[in-house]
Amino acid sequence: MKKIRCGDEVIILTGRDKGKIATVKQFESDDQVFVQGVNIVKKHVKPDPNKGIVGGIVGFEKPIHVSNIAVYNPATKKADRIGFRISDDNKKIRFYKSTGETIKGK
């Protein structure tokens, strides 16, 4: 079971966007994630009139490694570690290690 899931609010730990708080959009692979509004790169695109593509500089999101993000805890307003525990109805739930509070998921 993954500690970081789609829809989690995360904080960026390293790189150009360090300190930004954003939401995980999707997973590229097991260790690469797309984070909304983070790691935007620009690419020069040639025009192609046959396909209707207008040339210019296009910005788009690239994936970021999971080790460079951490789950954001709104109670402490800091990055936090995640733990797992078994609830009374035998479901595995995630919780913040610093406060012990469970994480509300989708």
PDB file of N, CA and C in Angstrom:
ATOM      1  N   MET A   1       0.853  -1.178   0.000  1.00  0.00           N
ATOM      2  CA  MET A   1       0.000   0.000   0.000  1.00  0.00           C
ATOM      3  C   MET A   1       0.898   1.240   0.000  1.00  0.00           C
ATOM      4  N   LYS A   2       0.539   2.195  -0.831  1.00  0.00           N
ATOM      5  CA  LYS A   2       1.346   3.394  -0.965  1.00  0.00           C
ATOM      6  C   LYS A   2       1.036   4.386   0.140  1.00  0.00           C
ATOM      7  N   LYS A   3       2.071   5.088   0.579  1.00  0.00           N
ATOM      8  CA  LYS A   3       1.876   6.100   1.613  1.00  0.00           C
ATOM      9  C   LYS A   3       1.310   7.383   1.019  1.00  0.00           C
ATOM     10  N   ILE A   4       1.676   7.687  -0.227  1.00  0.00           N
ATOM     11  CA  ILE A   4       1.146   8.870  -0.911  1.00  0.00           C
ATOM     12  C   ILE A   4       0.174   8.387  -1.975  1.00  0.00           C
ATOM     13  N   ARG A   5      -0.997   9.010  -2.014  1.00  0.00           N
ATOM     14  CA  ARG A   5      -2.040   8.622  -2.967  1.00  0.00           C
ATOM     15  C   ARG A   5      -2.482   9.824  -3.781  1.00  0.00           C
ATOM     16  N   CYS A   6      -3.216   9.566  -4.849  1.00  0.00           N
ATOM     17  CA  CYS A   6      -3.788  10.648  -5.654  1.00  0.00           C
ATOM     18  C   CYS A   6      -4.762  11.447  -4.792  1.00  0.00           C
ATOM     19  N   GLY A   7      -4.708  12.760  -4.927  1.00  0.00           N
ATOM     20  CA  GLY A   7      -5.585  13.626  -4.155  1.00  0.00           C
ATOM     21  C   GLY A   7      -4.981  14.099  -2.845  1.00  0.00           C
ATOM     22  N   ASP A   8      -3.822  13.555  -2.448  1.00  0.00           N
ATOM     23  CA  ASP A   8      -3.171  13.990  -1.210  1.00  0.00           C
ATOM     24  C   ASP A   8      -2.560  15.372  -1.400  1.00  0.00           C
ATOM     25  N   GLU A   9      -2.583  16.147  -0.331  1.00  0.00           N
ATOM     26  CA  GLU A   9      -1.923  17.443  -0.332  1.00  0.00           C
ATOM     27  C   GLU A   9      -0.479  17.213   0.106  1.00  0.00           C
ATOM     28  N   VAL A  10       0.468  17.623  -0.735  1.00  0.00           N
ATOM     29  CA  VAL A  10       1.879  17.377  -0.471  1.00  0.00           C
ATOM     30  C   VAL A  10       2.653  18.686  -0.483  1.00  0.00           C
ATOM     31  N   ILE A  11       3.838  18.650   0.118  1.00  0.00           N
ATOM     32  CA  ILE A  11       4.753  19.783   0.089  1.00  0.00           C
ATOM     33  C   ILE A  11       6.014  19.328  -0.640  1.00  0.00           C
ATOM     34  N   ILE A  12       6.555  20.210  -1.481  1.00  0.00           N
ATOM     35  CA  ILE A  12       7.739  19.889  -2.269  1.00  0.00           C
ATOM     36  C   ILE A  12       8.970  20.135  -1.388  1.00  0.00           C
ATOM     37  N   LEU A  13       9.862  19.134  -1.294  1.00  0.00           N
ATOM     38  CA  LEU A  13      11.011  19.205  -0.410  1.00  0.00           C
ATOM     39  C   LEU A  13      12.263  19.752  -1.087  1.00  0.00           C
ATOM     40  N   THR A  14      12.433  19.497  -2.381  1.00  0.00           N
ATOM     41  CA  THR A  14      13.659  19.907  -3.070  1.00  0.00           C
ATOM     42  C   THR A  14      13.343  20.474  -4.437  1.00  0.00           C
ATOM     43  N   GLY A  15      14.315  21.150  -4.994  1.00  0.00           N
ATOM     44  CA  GLY A  15      14.199  21.618  -6.365  1.00  0.00           C
ATOM     45  C   GLY A  15      13.701  23.048  -6.480  1.00  0.00           C
ATOM     46  N   ARG A  16      13.384  23.424  -7.687  1.00  0.00           N
ATOM     47  CA  ARG A  16      12.971  24.784  -8.030  1.00  0.00           C
ATOM     48  C   ARG A  16      11.687  25.194  -7.314  1.00  0.00           C
ATOM     49  N   ASP A  17      10.803  24.248  -7.069  1.00  0.00           N
ATOM     50  CA  ASP A  17       9.503  24.531  -6.458  1.00  0.00           C
ATOM     51  C   ASP A  17       9.470  24.213  -4.962  1.00  0.00           C
ATOM     52  N   LYS A  18      10.632  24.203  -4.303  1.00  0.00           N
ATOM     53  CA  LYS A  18      10.720  23.844  -2.892  1.00  0.00           C
ATOM     54  C   LYS A  18       9.808  24.726  -2.043  1.00  0.00           C
ATOM     55  N   GLY A  19       9.028  24.071  -1.145  1.00  0.00           N
ATOM     56  CA  GLY A  19       8.151  24.798  -0.243  1.00  0.00           C
ATOM     57  C   GLY A  19       6.727  24.952  -0.735  1.00  0.00           C
ATOM     58  N   LYS A  20       6.467  24.666  -2.017  1.00  0.00           N
ATOM     59  CA  LYS A  20       5.107  24.787  -2.550  1.00  0.00           C
ATOM     60  C   LYS A  20       4.234  23.659  -2.013  1.00  0.00           C
ATOM     61  N   ILE A  21       2.973  23.978  -1.780  1.00  0.00           N
ATOM     62  CA  ILE A  21       1.993  22.987  -1.339  1.00  0.00           C
ATOM     63  C   ILE A  21       1.026  22.775  -2.491  1.00  0.00           C
ATOM     64  N   ALA A  22       0.857  21.533  -2.907  1.00  0.00           N
ATOM     65  CA  ALA A  22       0.018  21.231  -4.068  1.00  0.00           C
ATOM     66  C   ALA A  22      -0.612  19.853  -3.877  1.00  0.00           C
ATOM     67  N   THR A  23      -1.409  19.456  -4.876  1.00  0.00           N
ATOM     68  CA  THR A  23      -2.150  18.195  -4.822  1.00  0.00           C
ATOM     69  C   THR A  23      -1.589  17.210  -5.841  1.00  0.00           C
ATOM     70  N   VAL A  24      -1.513  15.935  -5.458  1.00  0.00           N
ATOM     71  CA  VAL A  24      -1.056  14.879  -6.368  1.00  0.00           C
ATOM     72  C   VAL A  24      -2.170  14.599  -7.373  1.00  0.00           C
ATOM     73  N   LYS A  25      -1.847  14.688  -8.678  1.00  0.00           N
ATOM     74  CA  LYS A  25      -2.837  14.447  -9.724  1.00  0.00           C
ATOM     75  C   LYS A  25      -2.894  12.977 -10.119  1.00  0.00           C
ATOM     76  N   GLN A  26      -1.728  12.410 -10.441  1.00  0.00           N
ATOM     77  CA  GLN A  26      -1.699  11.013 -10.868  1.00  0.00           C
ATOM     78  C   GLN A  26      -0.288  10.467 -10.733  1.00  0.00           C
ATOM     79  N   PHE A  27      -0.175   9.138 -10.798  1.00  0.00           N
ATOM     80  CA  PHE A  27       1.118   8.469 -10.732  1.00  0.00           C
ATOM     81  C   PHE A  27       1.561   8.112 -12.142  1.00  0.00           C
ATOM     82  N   GLU A  28       2.801   8.458 -12.473  1.00  0.00           N
ATOM     83  CA  GLU A  28       3.412   8.070 -13.748  1.00  0.00           C
ATOM     84  C   GLU A  28       3.870   6.618 -13.648  1.00  0.00           C
ATOM     85  N   SER A  29       4.539   6.298 -12.551  1.00  0.00           N
ATOM     86  CA  SER A  29       4.962   4.932 -12.246  1.00  0.00           C
ATOM     87  C   SER A  29       4.943   4.800 -10.723  1.00  0.00           C
ATOM     88  N   ASP A  30       5.573   3.769 -10.192  1.00  0.00           N
ATOM     89  CA  ASP A  30       5.562   3.584  -8.742  1.00  0.00           C
ATOM     90  C   ASP A  30       6.291   4.700  -7.999  1.00  0.00           C
ATOM     91  N   ASP A  31       7.296   5.305  -8.649  1.00  0.00           N
ATOM     92  CA  ASP A  31       8.085   6.309  -7.944  1.00  0.00           C
ATOM     93  C   ASP A  31       8.051   7.688  -8.608  1.00  0.00           C
ATOM     94  N   GLN A  32       7.202   7.913  -9.576  1.00  0.00           N
ATOM     95  CA  GLN A  32       7.072   9.208 -10.245  1.00  0.00           C
ATOM     96  C   GLN A  32       5.620   9.672 -10.162  1.00  0.00           C
ATOM     97  N   VAL A  33       5.410  10.940  -9.743  1.00  0.00           N
ATOM     98  CA  VAL A  33       4.057  11.468  -9.615  1.00  0.00           C
ATOM     99  C   VAL A  33       3.941  12.818 -10.317  1.00  0.00           C
ATOM    100  N   PHE A  34       2.736  13.108 -10.789  1.00  0.00           N
ATOM    101  CA  PHE A  34       2.414  14.421 -11.323  1.00  0.00           C
ATOM    102  C   PHE A  34       1.758  15.218 -10.204  1.00  0.00           C
ATOM    103  N   VAL A  35       2.327  16.385  -9.899  1.00  0.00           N
ATOM    104  CA  VAL A  35       1.798  17.258  -8.866  1.00  0.00           C
ATOM    105  C   VAL A  35       1.279  18.512  -9.555  1.00  0.00           C
ATOM    106  N   GLN A  36       0.076  18.926  -9.209  1.00  0.00           N
ATOM    107  CA  GLN A  36      -0.603  20.027  -9.880  1.00  0.00           C
ATOM    108  C   GLN A  36       0.159  21.340  -9.713  1.00  0.00           C
ATOM    109  N   GLY A  37       0.563  21.933 -10.849  1.00  0.00           N
ATOM    110  CA  GLY A  37       1.233  23.225 -10.852  1.00  0.00           C
ATOM    111  C   GLY A  37       2.692  23.200 -10.452  1.00  0.00           C
ATOM    112  N   VAL A  38       3.314  22.030 -10.400  1.00  0.00           N
ATOM    113  CA  VAL A  38       4.709  21.903  -9.974  1.00  0.00           C
ATOM    114  C   VAL A  38       5.515  21.244 -11.086  1.00  0.00           C
ATOM    115  N   ASN A  39       6.791  21.632 -11.195  1.00  0.00           N
ATOM    116  CA  ASN A  39       7.725  21.087 -12.184  1.00  0.00           C
ATOM    117  C   ASN A  39       7.225  21.333 -13.606  1.00  0.00           C
ATOM    118  N   ILE A  40       6.846  22.566 -13.875  1.00  0.00           N
ATOM    119  CA  ILE A  40       6.391  22.948 -15.217  1.00  0.00           C
ATOM    120  C   ILE A  40       7.605  23.293 -16.060  1.00  0.00           C
ATOM    121  N   VAL A  41       7.732  22.635 -17.207  1.00  0.00           N
ATOM    122  CA  VAL A  41       8.831  22.886 -18.133  1.00  0.00           C
ATOM    123  C   VAL A  41       8.273  23.479 -19.405  1.00  0.00           C
ATOM    124  N   LYS A  42       9.125  24.205 -20.125  1.00  0.00           N
ATOM    125  CA  LYS A  42       8.705  24.825 -21.375  1.00  0.00           C
ATOM    126  C   LYS A  42       9.392  24.124 -22.528  1.00  0.00           C
ATOM    127  N   LYS A  43       8.654  23.962 -23.604  1.00  0.00           N
ATOM    128  CA  LYS A  43       9.184  23.294 -24.779  1.00  0.00           C
ATOM    129  C   LYS A  43       8.840  24.118 -26.003  1.00  0.00           C
ATOM    130  N   HIS A  44       9.789  24.250 -26.917  1.00  0.00           N
ATOM    131  CA  HIS A  44       9.554  24.962 -28.166  1.00  0.00           C
ATOM    132  C   HIS A  44       8.937  23.989 -29.163  1.00  0.00           C
ATOM    133  N   VAL A  45       7.801  24.359 -29.716  1.00  0.00           N
ATOM    134  CA  VAL A  45       7.068  23.482 -30.624  1.00  0.00           C
ATOM    135  C   VAL A  45       7.027  24.124 -31.999  1.00  0.00           C
ATOM    136  N   LYS A  46       7.387  23.351 -33.024  1.00  0.00           N
ATOM    137  CA  LYS A  46       7.317  23.847 -34.398  1.00  0.00           C
ATOM    138  C   LYS A  46       5.870  23.830 -34.872  1.00  0.00           C
ATOM    139  N   PRO A  47       5.495  24.800 -35.677  1.00  0.00           N
ATOM    140  CA  PRO A  47       4.130  24.767 -36.221  1.00  0.00           C
ATOM    141  C   PRO A  47       3.982  23.673 -37.277  1.00  0.00           C
ATOM    142  N   ASP A  48       2.813  23.059 -37.310  1.00  0.00           N
ATOM    143  CA  ASP A  48       2.494  22.044 -38.317  1.00  0.00           C
ATOM    144  C   ASP A  48       1.099  22.341 -38.844  1.00  0.00           C
ATOM    145  N   PRO A  49       1.020  23.061 -39.984  1.00  0.00           N
ATOM    146  CA  PRO A  49      -0.302  23.446 -40.496  1.00  0.00           C
ATOM    147  C   PRO A  49      -1.168  22.255 -40.918  1.00  0.00           C
ATOM    148  N   ASN A  50      -0.542  21.138 -41.269  1.00  0.00           N
ATOM    149  CA  ASN A  50      -1.319  19.958 -41.668  1.00  0.00           C
ATOM    150  C   ASN A  50      -2.117  19.382 -40.490  1.00  0.00           C
ATOM    151  N   LYS A  51      -1.528  19.442 -39.298  1.00  0.00           N
ATOM    152  CA  LYS A  51      -2.207  18.929 -38.102  1.00  0.00           C
ATOM    153  C   LYS A  51      -2.915  20.029 -37.332  1.00  0.00           C
ATOM    154  N   GLY A  52      -2.741  21.272 -37.742  1.00  0.00           N
ATOM    155  CA  GLY A  52      -3.390  22.391 -37.068  1.00  0.00           C
ATOM    156  C   GLY A  52      -2.683  22.812 -35.791  1.00  0.00           C
ATOM    157  N   ILE A  53      -1.389  22.487 -35.688  1.00  0.00           N
ATOM    158  CA  ILE A  53      -0.623  22.846 -34.497  1.00  0.00           C
ATOM    159  C   ILE A  53       0.025  24.209 -34.710  1.00  0.00           C
ATOM    160  N   VAL A  54      -0.238  25.106 -33.759  1.00  0.00           N
ATOM    161  CA  VAL A  54       0.369  26.424 -33.813  1.00  0.00           C
ATOM    162  C   VAL A  54       1.697  26.359 -33.079  1.00  0.00           C
ATOM    163  N   GLY A  55       2.739  26.917 -33.667  1.00  0.00           N
ATOM    164  CA  GLY A  55       4.057  26.874 -33.050  1.00  0.00           C
ATOM    165  C   GLY A  55       4.168  27.860 -31.902  1.00  0.00           C
ATOM    166  N   GLY A  56       5.183  27.684 -31.081  1.00  0.00           N
ATOM    167  CA  GLY A  56       5.434  28.586 -29.968  1.00  0.00           C
ATOM    168  C   GLY A  56       6.052  27.856 -28.796  1.00  0.00           C
ATOM    169  N   ILE A  57       6.045  28.509 -27.658  1.00  0.00           N
ATOM    170  CA  ILE A  57       6.591  27.929 -26.440  1.00  0.00           C
ATOM    171  C   ILE A  57       5.425  27.417 -25.595  1.00  0.00           C
ATOM    172  N   VAL A  58       5.452  26.121 -25.298  1.00  0.00           N
ATOM    173  CA  VAL A  58       4.366  25.481 -24.563  1.00  0.00           C
ATOM    174  C   VAL A  58       4.895  25.014 -23.211  1.00  0.00           C
ATOM    175  N   GLY A  59       4.153  25.304 -22.147  1.00  0.00           N
ATOM    176  CA  GLY A  59       4.520  24.822 -20.817  1.00  0.00           C
ATOM    177  C   GLY A  59       3.648  23.641 -20.428  1.00  0.00           C
ATOM    178  N   PHE A  60       4.265  22.608 -19.847  1.00  0.00           N
ATOM    179  CA  PHE A  60       3.504  21.447 -19.387  1.00  0.00           C
ATOM    180  C   PHE A  60       4.198  20.827 -18.183  1.00  0.00           C
ATOM    181  N   GLU A  61       3.449  20.029 -17.427  1.00  0.00           N
ATOM    182  CA  GLU A  61       3.959  19.423 -16.205  1.00  0.00           C
ATOM    183  C   GLU A  61       4.732  18.143 -16.507  1.00  0.00           C
ATOM    184  N   LYS A  62       5.812  17.967 -15.778  1.00  0.00           N
ATOM    185  CA  LYS A  62       6.588  16.737 -15.844  1.00  0.00           C
ATOM    186  C   LYS A  62       6.477  16.054 -14.478  1.00  0.00           C
ATOM    187  N   PRO A  63       6.687  14.741 -14.429  1.00  0.00           N
ATOM    188  CA  PRO A  63       6.582  14.047 -13.141  1.00  0.00           C
ATOM    189  C   PRO A  63       7.749  14.388 -12.213  1.00  0.00           C
ATOM    190  N   ILE A  64       7.520  14.222 -10.928  1.00  0.00           N
ATOM    191  CA  ILE A  64       8.529  14.468  -9.902  1.00  0.00           C
ATOM    192  C   ILE A  64       8.679  13.181  -9.080  1.00  0.00           C
ATOM    193  N   HIS A  65       9.882  12.924  -8.595  1.00  0.00           N
ATOM    194  CA  HIS A  65      10.136  11.690  -7.851  1.00  0.00           C
ATOM    195  C   HIS A  65       9.469  11.745  -6.477  1.00  0.00           C
ATOM    196  N   VAL A  66       9.002  10.605  -6.017  1.00  0.00           N
ATOM    197  CA  VAL A  66       8.279  10.512  -4.751  1.00  0.00           C
ATOM    198  C   VAL A  66       9.160  10.925  -3.565  1.00  0.00           C
ATOM    199  N   SER A  67      10.465  10.732  -3.665  1.00  0.00           N
ATOM    200  CA  SER A  67      11.360  11.088  -2.567  1.00  0.00           C
ATOM    201  C   SER A  67      11.483  12.600  -2.398  1.00  0.00           C
ATOM    202  N   ASN A  68      11.050  13.367  -3.376  1.00  0.00           N
ATOM    203  CA  ASN A  68      11.150  14.820  -3.315  1.00  0.00           C
ATOM    204  C   ASN A  68       9.871  15.491  -2.815  1.00  0.00           C
ATOM    205  N   ILE A  69       8.896  14.703  -2.380  1.00  0.00           N
ATOM    206  CA  ILE A  69       7.662  15.261  -1.832  1.00  0.00           C
ATOM    207  C   ILE A  69       7.353  14.579  -0.505  1.00  0.00           C
ATOM    208  N   ALA A  70       6.549  15.247   0.315  1.00  0.00           N
ATOM    209  CA  ALA A  70       6.099  14.668   1.585  1.00  0.00           C
ATOM    210  C   ALA A  70       4.666  15.104   1.813  1.00  0.00           C
ATOM    211  N   VAL A  71       3.908  14.293   2.513  1.00  0.00           N
ATOM    212  CA  VAL A  71       2.516  14.619   2.805  1.00  0.00           C
ATOM    213  C   VAL A  71       2.485  15.820   3.750  1.00  0.00           C
ATOM    214  N   TYR A  72       1.602  16.774   3.463  1.00  0.00           N
ATOM    215  CA  TYR A  72       1.482  18.003   4.243  1.00  0.00           C
ATOM    216  C   TYR A  72       0.434  17.808   5.333  1.00  0.00           C
ATOM    217  N   ASN A  73       0.807  18.128   6.567  1.00  0.00           N
ATOM    218  CA  ASN A  73      -0.109  18.034   7.701  1.00  0.00           C
ATOM    219  C   ASN A  73      -0.647  19.433   8.003  1.00  0.00           C
ATOM    220  N   PRO A  74      -1.938  19.697   7.750  1.00  0.00           N
ATOM    221  CA  PRO A  74      -2.476  21.043   7.978  1.00  0.00           C
ATOM    222  C   PRO A  74      -2.510  21.442   9.451  1.00  0.00           C
ATOM    223  N   ALA A  75      -2.526  20.480  10.366  1.00  0.00           N
ATOM    224  CA  ALA A  75      -2.562  20.803  11.796  1.00  0.00           C
ATOM    225  C   ALA A  75      -1.238  21.423  12.251  1.00  0.00           C
ATOM    226  N   THR A  76      -0.120  20.853  11.795  1.00  0.00           N
ATOM    227  CA  THR A  76       1.193  21.362  12.188  1.00  0.00           C
ATOM    228  C   THR A  76       1.757  22.326  11.155  1.00  0.00           C
ATOM    229  N   LYS A  77       1.149  22.380   9.978  1.00  0.00           N
ATOM    230  CA  LYS A  77       1.612  23.213   8.851  1.00  0.00           C
ATOM    231  C   LYS A  77       3.038  22.860   8.438  1.00  0.00           C
ATOM    232  N   LYS A  78       3.338  21.547   8.471  1.00  0.00           N
ATOM    233  CA  LYS A  78       4.657  21.046   8.082  1.00  0.00           C
ATOM    234  C   LYS A  78       4.498  19.730   7.330  1.00  0.00           C
ATOM    235  N   ALA A  79       5.607  19.267   6.762  1.00  0.00           N
ATOM    236  CA  ALA A  79       5.640  17.944   6.165  1.00  0.00           C
ATOM    237  C   ALA A  79       5.583  16.912   7.282  1.00  0.00           C
ATOM    238  N   ASP A  80       4.968  15.778   6.985  1.00  0.00           N
ATOM    239  CA  ASP A  80       4.820  14.764   8.024  1.00  0.00           C
ATOM    240  C   ASP A  80       5.028  13.378   7.441  1.00  0.00           C
ATOM    241  N   ARG A  81       5.398  12.446   8.316  1.00  0.00           N
ATOM    242  CA  ARG A  81       5.539  11.052   7.911  1.00  0.00           C
ATOM    243  C   ARG A  81       4.210  10.338   8.095  1.00  0.00           C
ATOM    244  N   ILE A  82       4.060   9.230   7.378  1.00  0.00           N
ATOM    245  CA  ILE A  82       2.811   8.481   7.375  1.00  0.00           C
ATOM    246  C   ILE A  82       3.048   7.110   7.991  1.00  0.00           C
ATOM    247  N   GLY A  83       2.083   6.668   8.787  1.00  0.00           N
ATOM    248  CA  GLY A  83       2.106   5.323   9.341  1.00  0.00           C
ATOM    249  C   GLY A  83       0.804   4.616   9.018  1.00  0.00           C
ATOM    250  N   PHE A  84       0.783   3.320   9.242  1.00  0.00           N
ATOM    251  CA  PHE A  84      -0.422   2.529   8.995  1.00  0.00           C
ATOM    252  C   PHE A  84      -0.844   1.860  10.296  1.00  0.00           C
ATOM    253  N   ARG A  85      -2.154   1.749  10.473  1.00  0.00           N
ATOM    254  CA  ARG A  85      -2.688   0.971  11.587  1.00  0.00           C
ATOM    255  C   ARG A  85      -3.961   0.281  11.118  1.00  0.00           C
ATOM    256  N   ILE A  86      -4.327  -0.768  11.823  1.00  0.00           N
ATOM    257  CA  ILE A  86      -5.521  -1.531  11.493  1.00  0.00           C
ATOM    258  C   ILE A  86      -6.670  -1.009  12.358  1.00  0.00           C
ATOM    259  N   SER A  87      -7.780  -0.644  11.708  1.00  0.00           N
ATOM    260  CA  SER A  87      -8.939  -0.132  12.450  1.00  0.00           C
ATOM    261  C   SER A  87      -9.734  -1.299  13.037  1.00  0.00           C
ATOM    262  N   ASP A  88     -10.798  -0.965  13.764  1.00  0.00           N
ATOM    263  CA  ASP A  88     -11.617  -1.995  14.412  1.00  0.00           C
ATOM    264  C   ASP A  88     -12.291  -2.919  13.414  1.00  0.00           C
ATOM    265  N   ASP A  89     -12.630  -2.386  12.228  1.00  0.00           N
ATOM    266  CA  ASP A  89     -13.294  -3.206  11.215  1.00  0.00           C
ATOM    267  C   ASP A  89     -12.295  -3.802  10.219  1.00  0.00           C
ATOM    268  N   ASN A  90     -11.041  -4.023  10.676  1.00  0.00           N
ATOM    269  CA  ASN A  90      -9.974  -4.671   9.898  1.00  0.00           C
ATOM    270  C   ASN A  90      -9.649  -3.961   8.588  1.00  0.00           C
ATOM    271  N   LYS A  91      -9.689  -2.641   8.603  1.00  0.00           N
ATOM    272  CA  LYS A  91      -9.252  -1.866   7.439  1.00  0.00           C
ATOM    273  C   LYS A  91      -7.943  -1.190   7.781  1.00  0.00           C
ATOM    274  N   LYS A  92      -7.062  -1.112   6.780  1.00  0.00           N
ATOM    275  CA  LYS A  92      -5.781  -0.460   6.964  1.00  0.00           C
ATOM    276  C   LYS A  92      -5.982   1.034   6.739  1.00  0.00           C
ATOM    277  N   ILE A  93      -5.653   1.850   7.722  1.00  0.00           N
ATOM    278  CA  ILE A  93      -5.829   3.297   7.597  1.00  0.00           C
ATOM    279  C   ILE A  93      -4.482   3.988   7.798  1.00  0.00           C
ATOM    280  N   ARG A  94      -4.338   5.164   7.198  1.00  0.00           N
ATOM    281  CA  ARG A  94      -3.110   5.949   7.317  1.00  0.00           C
ATOM    282  C   ARG A  94      -3.274   6.988   8.422  1.00  0.00           C
ATOM    283  N   PHE A  95      -2.168   7.323   9.083  1.00  0.00           N
ATOM    284  CA  PHE A  95      -2.214   8.367  10.113  1.00  0.00           C
ATOM    285  C   PHE A  95      -0.910   9.157  10.093  1.00  0.00           C
ATOM    286  N   TYR A  96      -0.985  10.396  10.599  1.00  0.00           N
ATOM    287  CA  TYR A  96       0.200  11.236  10.728  1.00  0.00           C
ATOM    288  C   TYR A  96       0.998  10.759  11.935  1.00  0.00           C
ATOM    289  N   LYS A  97       2.289  10.540  11.760  1.00  0.00           N
ATOM    290  CA  LYS A  97       3.108  10.019  12.856  1.00  0.00           C
ATOM    291  C   LYS A  97       3.316  11.044  13.964  1.00  0.00           C
ATOM    292  N   SER A  98       3.314  12.341  13.634  1.00  0.00           N
ATOM    293  CA  SER A  98       3.585  13.349  14.660  1.00  0.00           C
ATOM    294  C   SER A  98       2.394  13.551  15.593  1.00  0.00           C
ATOM    295  N   THR A  99       1.184  13.524  15.049  1.00  0.00           N
ATOM    296  CA  THR A  99      -0.003  13.797  15.875  1.00  0.00           C
ATOM    297  C   THR A  99      -0.829  12.556  16.160  1.00  0.00           C
ATOM    298  N   GLY A 100      -0.678  11.507  15.358  1.00  0.00           N
ATOM    299  CA  GLY A 100      -1.483  10.303  15.532  1.00  0.00           C
ATOM    300  C   GLY A 100      -2.867  10.421  14.918  1.00  0.00           C
ATOM    301  N   GLU A 101      -3.150  11.539  14.285  1.00  0.00           N
ATOM    302  CA  GLU A 101      -4.467  11.800  13.677  1.00  0.00           C
ATOM    303  C   GLU A 101      -4.579  11.022  12.355  1.00  0.00           C
ATOM    304  N   THR A 102      -5.759  10.455  12.089  1.00  0.00           N
ATOM    305  CA  THR A 102      -5.948   9.707  10.851  1.00  0.00           C
ATOM    306  C   THR A 102      -6.082  10.666   9.677  1.00  0.00           C
ATOM    307  N   ILE A 103      -5.698  10.181   8.503  1.00  0.00           N
ATOM    308  CA  ILE A 103      -5.761  10.988   7.287  1.00  0.00           C
ATOM    309  C   ILE A 103      -7.084  10.727   6.607  1.00  0.00           C
ATOM    310  N   LYS A 104      -7.794  11.797   6.316  1.00  0.00           N
ATOM    311  CA  LYS A 104      -9.053  11.655   5.594  1.00  0.00           C
ATOM    312  C   LYS A 104      -8.746  11.473   4.124  1.00  0.00           C
ATOM    313  N   GLY A 105      -9.171  10.370   3.551  1.00  0.00           N
ATOM    314  CA  GLY A 105      -8.915  10.064   2.144  1.00  0.00           C
ATOM    315  C   GLY A 105     -10.203  10.115   1.356  1.00  0.00           C
ATOM    316  N   LYS A 106     -10.044   9.846   0.047  1.00  0.00           N
ATOM    317  CA  LYS A 106     -11.213   9.824  -0.825  1.00  0.00           C
ATOM    318  C   LYS A 106     -12.045   8.581  -0.583  1.00  0.00           C
TER     319      LYS A 106
END
